[in-house]
PDB file of N, CA and C in Angstrom:
ATOM      1  N   MET A   1     -14.273  15.974   4.585  1.00  0.00           N
ATOM      2  CA  MET A   1     -12.834  16.039   4.777  1.00  0.00           C
ATOM      3  C   MET A   1     -12.161  16.311   3.423  1.00  0.00           C
ATOM      4  N   SER A   2     -11.285  17.279   3.378  1.00  0.00           N
ATOM      5  CA  SER A   2     -10.629  17.641   2.126  1.00  0.00           C
ATOM      6  C   SER A   2      -9.446  16.718   1.843  1.00  0.00           C
ATOM      7  N   LYS A   3      -9.206  16.490   0.563  1.00  0.00           N
ATOM      8  CA  LYS A   3      -8.064  15.684   0.150  1.00  0.00           C
ATOM      9  C   LYS A   3      -6.803  16.523   0.242  1.00  0.00           C
ATOM     10  N   LYS A   4      -5.707  15.873   0.593  1.00  0.00           N
ATOM     11  CA  LYS A   4      -4.412  16.537   0.604  1.00  0.00           C
ATOM     12  C   LYS A   4      -3.449  15.735  -0.249  1.00  0.00           C
ATOM     13  N   LEU A   5      -2.632  16.441  -1.004  1.00  0.00           N
ATOM     14  CA  LEU A   5      -1.630  15.790  -1.838  1.00  0.00           C
ATOM     15  C   LEU A   5      -0.469  15.373  -0.942  1.00  0.00           C
ATOM     16  N   ARG A   6      -0.213  14.097  -0.907  1.00  0.00           N
ATOM     17  CA  ARG A   6       0.880  13.524  -0.122  1.00  0.00           C
ATOM     18  C   ARG A   6       1.635  12.519  -0.983  1.00  0.00           C
ATOM     19  N   ARG A   7       2.921  12.326  -0.684  1.00  0.00           N
ATOM     20  CA  ARG A   7       3.665  11.275  -1.369  1.00  0.00           C
ATOM     21  C   ARG A   7       3.139   9.929  -0.887  1.00  0.00           C
ATOM     22  N   SER A   8       3.017   8.997  -1.789  1.00  0.00           N
ATOM     23  CA  SER A   8       2.395   7.714  -1.504  1.00  0.00           C
ATOM     24  C   SER A   8       3.372   6.735  -0.873  1.00  0.00           C
ATOM     25  N   PHE A   9       2.807   5.846  -0.056  1.00  0.00           N
ATOM     26  CA  PHE A   9       3.602   4.742   0.478  1.00  0.00           C
ATOM     27  C   PHE A   9       3.867   3.715  -0.622  1.00  0.00           C
ATOM     28  N   ASP A  10       2.961   3.671  -1.622  1.00  0.00           N
ATOM     29  CA  ASP A  10       3.136   2.816  -2.797  1.00  0.00           C
ATOM     30  C   ASP A  10       4.045   3.568  -3.768  1.00  0.00           C
ATOM     31  N   HIS A  11       5.352   3.412  -3.586  1.00  0.00           N
ATOM     32  CA  HIS A  11       6.279   4.220  -4.371  1.00  0.00           C
ATOM     33  C   HIS A  11       7.316   3.372  -5.084  1.00  0.00           C
ATOM     34  N   ARG A  12       7.866   3.934  -6.137  1.00  0.00           N
ATOM     35  CA  ARG A  12       8.980   3.327  -6.863  1.00  0.00           C
ATOM     36  C   ARG A  12      10.272   4.074  -6.517  1.00  0.00           C
ATOM     37  N   ILE A  13      10.212   5.390  -6.505  1.00  0.00           N
ATOM     38  CA  ILE A  13      11.389   6.179  -6.151  1.00  0.00           C
ATOM     39  C   ILE A  13      11.092   6.968  -4.885  1.00  0.00           C
ATOM     40  N   ALA A  14      10.193   7.939  -4.974  1.00  0.00           N
ATOM     41  CA  ALA A  14       9.908   8.776  -3.804  1.00  0.00           C
ATOM     42  C   ALA A  14       8.422   8.892  -3.493  1.00  0.00           C
ATOM     43  N   GLY A  15       7.575   8.275  -4.298  1.00  0.00           N
ATOM     44  CA  GLY A  15       6.144   8.313  -4.039  1.00  0.00           C
ATOM     45  C   GLY A  15       5.411   9.497  -4.641  1.00  0.00           C
ATOM     46  N   VAL A  16       6.087  10.273  -5.476  1.00  0.00           N
ATOM     47  CA  VAL A  16       5.466  11.462  -6.067  1.00  0.00           C
ATOM     48  C   VAL A  16       4.346  11.058  -7.028  1.00  0.00           C
ATOM     49  N   CYS A  17       4.621  10.191  -7.986  1.00  0.00           N
ATOM     50  CA  CYS A  17       3.597   9.777  -8.946  1.00  0.00           C
ATOM     51  C   CYS A  17       2.480   8.998  -8.257  1.00  0.00           C
ATOM     52  N   GLY A  18       2.833   8.159  -7.288  1.00  0.00           N
ATOM     53  CA  GLY A  18       1.818   7.431  -6.532  1.00  0.00           C
ATOM     54  C   GLY A  18       0.913   8.366  -5.756  1.00  0.00           C
ATOM     55  N   GLY A  19       1.475   9.408  -5.190  1.00  0.00           N
ATOM     56  CA  GLY A  19       0.681  10.390  -4.457  1.00  0.00           C
ATOM     57  C   GLY A  19      -0.253  11.174  -5.371  1.00  0.00           C
ATOM     58  N   ILE A  20       0.233  11.528  -6.544  1.00  0.00           N
ATOM     59  CA  ILE A  20      -0.613  12.228  -7.520  1.00  0.00           C
ATOM     60  C   ILE A  20      -1.754  11.314  -7.961  1.00  0.00           C
ATOM     61  N   ALA A  21      -1.457  10.039  -8.175  1.00  0.00           N
ATOM     62  CA  ALA A  21      -2.485   9.083  -8.575  1.00  0.00           C
ATOM     63  C   ALA A  21      -3.542   8.921  -7.482  1.00  0.00           C
ATOM     64  N   GLU A  22      -3.120   8.835  -6.226  1.00  0.00           N
ATOM     65  CA  GLU A  22      -4.080   8.723  -5.127  1.00  0.00           C
ATOM     66  C   GLU A  22      -4.932   9.978  -5.021  1.00  0.00           C
ATOM     67  N   TYR A  23      -4.335  11.128  -5.199  1.00  0.00           N
ATOM     68  CA  TYR A  23      -5.061  12.394  -5.101  1.00  0.00           C
ATOM     69  C   TYR A  23      -6.165  12.486  -6.155  1.00  0.00           C
ATOM     70  N   PHE A  24      -5.843  12.092  -7.392  1.00  0.00           N
ATOM     71  CA  PHE A  24      -6.816  12.158  -8.472  1.00  0.00           C
ATOM     72  C   PHE A  24      -7.602  10.855  -8.644  1.00  0.00           C
ATOM     73  N   ASP A  25      -7.338   9.862  -7.802  1.00  0.00           N
ATOM     74  CA  ASP A  25      -8.042   8.583  -7.799  1.00  0.00           C
ATOM     75  C   ASP A  25      -7.949   7.884  -9.160  1.00  0.00           C
ATOM     76  N   ILE A  26      -6.704   7.774  -9.651  1.00  0.00           N
ATOM     77  CA  ILE A  26      -6.447   7.043 -10.892  1.00  0.00           C
ATOM     78  C   ILE A  26      -5.314   6.061 -10.643  1.00  0.00           C
ATOM     79  N   ASP A  27      -5.083   5.189 -11.600  1.00  0.00           N
ATOM     80  CA  ASP A  27      -4.056   4.164 -11.471  1.00  0.00           C
ATOM     81  C   ASP A  27      -2.659   4.800 -11.496  1.00  0.00           C
ATOM     82  N   ALA A  28      -1.831   4.415 -10.557  1.00  0.00           N
ATOM     83  CA  ALA A  28      -0.477   4.971 -10.454  1.00  0.00           C
ATOM     84  C   ALA A  28       0.363   4.640 -11.682  1.00  0.00           C
ATOM     85  N   THR A  29       0.112   3.498 -12.298  1.00  0.00           N
ATOM     86  CA  THR A  29       0.868   3.123 -13.497  1.00  0.00           C
ATOM     87  C   THR A  29       0.622   4.118 -14.626  1.00  0.00           C
ATOM     88  N   LEU A  30      -0.616   4.578 -14.761  1.00  0.00           N
ATOM     89  CA  LEU A  30      -0.923   5.564 -15.795  1.00  0.00           C
ATOM     90  C   LEU A  30      -0.194   6.882 -15.537  1.00  0.00           C
ATOM     91  N   VAL A  31      -0.126   7.290 -14.284  1.00  0.00           N
ATOM     92  CA  VAL A  31       0.584   8.529 -13.946  1.00  0.00           C
ATOM     93  C   VAL A  31       2.072   8.365 -14.244  1.00  0.00           C
ATOM     94  N   ARG A  32       2.634   7.222 -13.881  1.00  0.00           N
ATOM     95  CA  ARG A  32       4.064   6.982 -14.118  1.00  0.00           C
ATOM     96  C   ARG A  32       4.389   6.965 -15.609  1.00  0.00           C
ATOM     97  N   ILE A  33       3.538   6.310 -16.411  1.00  0.00           N
ATOM     98  CA  ILE A  33       3.754   6.268 -17.868  1.00  0.00           C
ATOM     99  C   ILE A  33       3.628   7.674 -18.452  1.00  0.00           C
ATOM    100  N   GLY A  34       2.597   8.405 -18.022  1.00  0.00           N
ATOM    101  CA  GLY A  34       2.410   9.772 -18.506  1.00  0.00           C
ATOM    102  C   GLY A  34       3.576  10.666 -18.138  1.00  0.00           C
ATOM    103  N   TYR A  35       4.059  10.525 -16.920  1.00  0.00           N
ATOM    104  CA  TYR A  35       5.200  11.335 -16.484  1.00  0.00           C
ATOM    105  C   TYR A  35       6.457  10.980 -17.283  1.00  0.00           C
ATOM    106  N   ALA A  36       6.672   9.682 -17.509  1.00  0.00           N
ATOM    107  CA  ALA A  36       7.847   9.257 -18.276  1.00  0.00           C
ATOM    108  C   ALA A  36       7.788   9.796 -19.702  1.00  0.00           C
ATOM    109  N   LEU A  37       6.621   9.702 -20.334  1.00  0.00           N
ATOM    110  CA  LEU A  37       6.475  10.229 -21.696  1.00  0.00           C
ATOM    111  C   LEU A  37       6.692  11.740 -21.736  1.00  0.00           C
ATOM    112  N   LEU A  38       6.109  12.438 -20.781  1.00  0.00           N
ATOM    113  CA  LEU A  38       6.287  13.886 -20.716  1.00  0.00           C
ATOM    114  C   LEU A  38       7.755  14.259 -20.507  1.00  0.00           C
ATOM    115  N   SER A  39       8.438  13.502 -19.669  1.00  0.00           N
ATOM    116  CA  SER A  39       9.864  13.770 -19.424  1.00  0.00           C
ATOM    117  C   SER A  39      10.696  13.524 -20.676  1.00  0.00           C
ATOM    118  N   ILE A  40      10.423  12.431 -21.370  1.00  0.00           N
ATOM    119  CA  ILE A  40      11.182  12.112 -22.582  1.00  0.00           C
ATOM    120  C   ILE A  40      10.934  13.158 -23.663  1.00  0.00           C
ATOM    121  N   LEU A  41       9.673  13.550 -23.809  1.00  0.00           N
ATOM    122  CA  LEU A  41       9.344  14.529 -24.842  1.00  0.00           C
ATOM    123  C   LEU A  41       9.875  15.925 -24.532  1.00  0.00           C
ATOM    124  N   SER A  42      10.189  16.181 -23.258  1.00  0.00           N
ATOM    125  CA  SER A  42      10.745  17.488 -22.891  1.00  0.00           C
ATOM    126  C   SER A  42      12.264  17.402 -22.700  1.00  0.00           C
ATOM    127  N   VAL A  43      12.886  16.438 -23.346  1.00  0.00           N
ATOM    128  CA  VAL A  43      14.331  16.229 -23.312  1.00  0.00           C
ATOM    129  C   VAL A  43      14.822  15.844 -21.909  1.00  0.00           C
ATOM    130  N   ALA A  44      13.983  15.231 -21.115  1.00  0.00           N
ATOM    131  CA  ALA A  44      14.294  14.605 -19.830  1.00  0.00           C
ATOM    132  C   ALA A  44      14.696  15.557 -18.704  1.00  0.00           C
ATOM    133  N   PHE A  45      15.574  16.503 -18.929  1.00  0.00           N
ATOM    134  CA  PHE A  45      16.067  17.321 -17.817  1.00  0.00           C
ATOM    135  C   PHE A  45      14.967  18.072 -17.074  1.00  0.00           C
ATOM    136  N   PRO A  46      14.052  18.775 -17.762  1.00  0.00           N
ATOM    137  CA  PRO A  46      12.990  19.461 -17.011  1.00  0.00           C
ATOM    138  C   PRO A  46      12.122  18.489 -16.204  1.00  0.00           C
ATOM    139  N   GLY A  47      11.879  17.306 -16.762  1.00  0.00           N
ATOM    140  CA  GLY A  47      11.087  16.309 -16.048  1.00  0.00           C
ATOM    141  C   GLY A  47      11.768  15.839 -14.778  1.00  0.00           C
ATOM    142  N   ILE A  48      13.064  15.630 -14.843  1.00  0.00           N
ATOM    143  CA  ILE A  48      13.827  15.219 -13.660  1.00  0.00           C
ATOM    144  C   ILE A  48      13.843  16.336 -12.632  1.00  0.00           C
ATOM    145  N   LEU A  49      14.030  17.553 -13.080  1.00  0.00           N
ATOM    146  CA  LEU A  49      14.045  18.701 -12.170  1.00  0.00           C
ATOM    147  C   LEU A  49      12.700  18.880 -11.469  1.00  0.00           C
ATOM    148  N   VAL A  50      11.612  18.768 -12.224  1.00  0.00           N
ATOM    149  CA  VAL A  50      10.268  18.886 -11.633  1.00  0.00           C
ATOM    150  C   VAL A  50      10.048  17.785 -10.612  1.00  0.00           C
ATOM    151  N   TYR A  51      10.464  16.556 -10.925  1.00  0.00           N
ATOM    152  CA  TYR A  51      10.301  15.446  -9.979  1.00  0.00           C
ATOM    153  C   TYR A  51      11.043  15.723  -8.678  1.00  0.00           C
ATOM    154  N   LEU A  52      12.268  16.210  -8.772  1.00  0.00           N
ATOM    155  CA  LEU A  52      13.049  16.503  -7.570  1.00  0.00           C
ATOM    156  C   LEU A  52      12.404  17.605  -6.731  1.00  0.00           C
ATOM    157  N   VAL A  53      11.875  18.627  -7.383  1.00  0.00           N
ATOM    158  CA  VAL A  53      11.199  19.703  -6.658  1.00  0.00           C
ATOM    159  C   VAL A  53       9.950  19.165  -5.961  1.00  0.00           C
ATOM    160  N   LEU A  54       9.158  18.357  -6.675  1.00  0.00           N
ATOM    161  CA  LEU A  54       7.964  17.775  -6.063  1.00  0.00           C
ATOM    162  C   LEU A  54       8.331  16.872  -4.894  1.00  0.00           C
ATOM    163  N   TRP A  55       9.423  16.139  -5.015  1.00  0.00           N
ATOM    164  CA  TRP A  55       9.900  15.268  -3.948  1.00  0.00           C
ATOM    165  C   TRP A  55      10.172  16.093  -2.684  1.00  0.00           C
ATOM    166  N   LEU A  56      10.704  17.285  -2.864  1.00  0.00           N
ATOM    167  CA  LEU A  56      11.033  18.136  -1.727  1.00  0.00           C
ATOM    168  C   LEU A  56       9.815  18.844  -1.122  1.00  0.00           C
ATOM    169  N   ILE A  57       8.835  19.218  -1.960  1.00  0.00           N
ATOM    170  CA  ILE A  57       7.743  20.036  -1.419  1.00  0.00           C
ATOM    171  C   ILE A  57       6.497  19.249  -1.017  1.00  0.00           C
ATOM    172  N   ILE A  58       6.292  18.044  -1.575  1.00  0.00           N
ATOM    173  CA  ILE A  58       5.118  17.253  -1.193  1.00  0.00           C
ATOM    174  C   ILE A  58       5.469  16.451   0.058  1.00  0.00           C
ATOM    175  N   PRO A  59       4.703  16.613   1.137  1.00  0.00           N
ATOM    176  CA  PRO A  59       5.017  15.879   2.370  1.00  0.00           C
ATOM    177  C   PRO A  59       4.723  14.386   2.240  1.00  0.00           C
ATOM    178  N   LYS A  60       5.374  13.589   3.086  1.00  0.00           N
ATOM    179  CA  LYS A  60       5.145  12.155   3.122  1.00  0.00           C
ATOM    180  C   LYS A  60       3.741  11.857   3.621  1.00  0.00           C
ATOM    181  N   ASN A  61       3.231  10.719   3.192  1.00  0.00           N
ATOM    182  CA  ASN A  61       1.962  10.232   3.697  1.00  0.00           C
ATOM    183  C   ASN A  61       2.162   9.804   5.156  1.00  0.00           C
ATOM    184  N   ASP A  62       1.142   9.946   5.972  1.00  0.00           N
ATOM    185  CA  ASP A  62       1.234   9.577   7.393  1.00  0.00           C
ATOM    186  C   ASP A  62       1.565   8.103   7.589  1.00  0.00           C
ATOM    187  N   GLU A  63       1.243   7.248   6.618  1.00  0.00           N
ATOM    188  CA  GLU A  63       1.523   5.815   6.742  1.00  0.00           C
ATOM    189  C   GLU A  63       3.025   5.548   6.859  1.00  0.00           C
ATOM    190  N   TRP A  64       3.860   6.417   6.282  1.00  0.00           N
ATOM    191  CA  TRP A  64       5.308   6.209   6.351  1.00  0.00           C
ATOM    192  C   TRP A  64       5.804   6.259   7.784  1.00  0.00           C
ATOM    193  N   ASN A  65       5.142   7.034   8.637  1.00  0.00           N
ATOM    194  CA  ASN A  65       5.564   7.150  10.029  1.00  0.00           C
ATOM    195  C   ASN A  65       5.236   5.894  10.828  1.00  0.00           C
ATOM    196  N   LEU A  66       4.300   5.077  10.321  1.00  0.00           N
ATOM    197  CA  LEU A  66       3.891   3.873  11.022  1.00  0.00           C
ATOM    198  C   LEU A  66       4.759   2.683  10.676  1.00  0.00           C
ATOM    199  N   LYS A  67       5.513   2.747   9.594  1.00  0.00           N
ATOM    200  CA  LYS A  67       6.302   1.611   9.139  1.00  0.00           C
ATOM    201  C   LYS A  67       7.725   1.699   9.594  1.00  0.00           C
TER     202      LYS A  67
END
């Protein structure tokens, strides 16, 4: 069975970083810290824009429909 990138039910804002962490099987905290550092180092705006785009294009995890 192939892995699919989905937004995670374990989320802080929209589940984007949690979904990326689940996809690559790493700790979500590391993804969130890495994303925050990358956003700060890129003057924040591109990081926020990328997050919003990912929020729109990555589908929700099926678990969200059960809750």
